């Protein structure tokens, strides 16, 4: 069953989308991630993984990346929701 992760992030300074480039070397196969603007200082992220197991196996690397980026870009996570995708509307 596919697994979803949605987060929101608050930036100290206005978001410079030109510098918003993920620095993770390799995402698990089948993973998708979208970043979206909430407003000038906040952005959201929505990721889907092929399964909870894939997410769990990748979580340590993801957490390390988030810690590094939070410090270097002066931002903080303000929302985190994680769970299985039970309905997929196309």
Protein backbone atom coordinates (compact mmCIF):
# COMPACT_ATOMS: atom_id res chain seq x y z
CA UNK A 1 0.00 0.00 0.00
CA UNK A 2 1.36 3.45 -0.94
CA UNK A 3 2.42 5.74 1.92
CA UNK A 4 2.14 9.53 2.14
CA UNK A 5 4.13 12.16 4.01
CA UNK A 6 2.99 15.78 4.13
CA UNK A 7 4.97 18.51 5.89
CA UNK A 8 4.93 22.29 6.15
CA UNK A 9 7.99 24.47 6.68
CA UNK A 10 8.39 28.06 7.90
CA UNK A 11 11.30 30.08 6.53
CA UNK A 12 12.88 32.98 8.44
CA UNK A 13 13.35 34.86 5.17
CA UNK A 14 11.20 34.98 2.02
CA UNK A 15 11.50 31.76 0.04
CA UNK A 16 13.98 31.88 -2.83
CA UNK A 17 12.57 29.16 -5.07
CA UNK A 18 15.65 29.26 -7.33
CA UNK A 19 17.70 27.89 -4.42
CA UNK A 20 15.13 25.29 -3.34
CA UNK A 21 16.90 22.28 -4.79
CA UNK A 22 16.75 18.93 -2.98
CA UNK A 23 20.17 17.66 -1.96
CA UNK A 24 19.28 14.02 -1.41
CA UNK A 25 21.45 11.86 -3.65
CA UNK A 26 18.93 9.17 -4.45
CA UNK A 27 15.28 8.73 -3.59
CA UNK A 28 13.76 5.26 -3.30
CA UNK A 29 12.43 3.95 -6.60
CA UNK A 30 8.82 4.96 -7.21
CA UNK A 31 8.93 7.88 -4.76
CA UNK A 32 7.43 11.22 -5.79
CA UNK A 33 7.86 14.55 -4.03
CA UNK A 34 6.22 17.90 -4.70
CA UNK A 35 7.02 21.19 -2.97
CA UNK A 36 4.40 23.92 -3.04
CA UNK A 37 4.15 27.53 -1.94
CA UNK A 38 1.80 28.32 0.93
CA UNK A 39 2.85 31.95 1.13
CA UNK A 40 6.04 34.00 0.91
CA UNK A 41 7.50 32.44 4.10
CA UNK A 42 5.97 28.96 4.14
CA UNK A 43 6.12 25.96 1.86
CA UNK A 44 4.63 22.49 1.92
CA UNK A 45 5.90 19.14 0.80
CA UNK A 46 3.92 16.09 -0.27
CA UNK A 47 5.72 12.81 -0.82
CA UNK A 48 4.46 9.37 -1.74
CA UNK A 49 6.40 6.17 -1.20
CA UNK A 50 5.52 2.78 -2.63
CA UNK A 51 5.02 1.36 0.89
CA UNK A 52 5.46 2.08 4.59
CA UNK A 53 8.48 -0.25 4.58
CA UNK A 54 10.18 1.83 1.86
CA UNK A 55 9.51 5.00 3.88
CA UNK A 56 10.76 3.39 7.11
CA UNK A 57 13.97 2.23 5.38
CA UNK A 58 14.58 5.75 4.01
CA UNK A 59 13.51 7.75 7.10
CA UNK A 60 16.97 7.99 8.73
CA UNK A 61 18.44 9.50 5.55
CA UNK A 62 15.45 11.83 5.20
CA UNK A 63 15.76 12.98 8.83
CA UNK A 64 19.49 13.69 8.38
CA UNK A 65 18.74 15.70 5.22
CA UNK A 66 15.99 17.68 6.97
CA UNK A 67 18.25 18.48 9.92
CA UNK A 68 21.03 19.72 7.62
CA UNK A 69 18.69 21.82 5.47
CA UNK A 70 16.76 23.25 8.43
CA UNK A 71 19.99 24.61 9.84
CA UNK A 72 21.53 25.87 6.59
CA UNK A 73 18.33 27.49 5.27
CA UNK A 74 17.07 28.74 8.66
CA UNK A 75 13.68 27.03 8.53
CA UNK A 76 11.55 24.92 10.84
CA UNK A 77 9.01 22.17 10.33
CA UNK A 78 5.57 23.29 11.49
CA UNK A 79 3.43 20.33 10.39
CA UNK A 80 3.97 16.63 9.80
CA UNK A 81 1.39 14.03 8.74
CA UNK A 82 2.29 10.47 7.78
CA UNK A 83 0.08 7.55 6.79
CA UNK A 84 -1.16 5.04 4.24
CA UNK A 85 -2.96 6.16 1.11
CA UNK A 86 -6.35 4.48 1.33
CA UNK A 87 -8.11 6.12 -1.62
CA UNK A 88 -6.51 7.25 -4.88
CA UNK A 89 -8.75 9.47 -7.02
CA UNK A 90 -7.55 9.94 -10.58
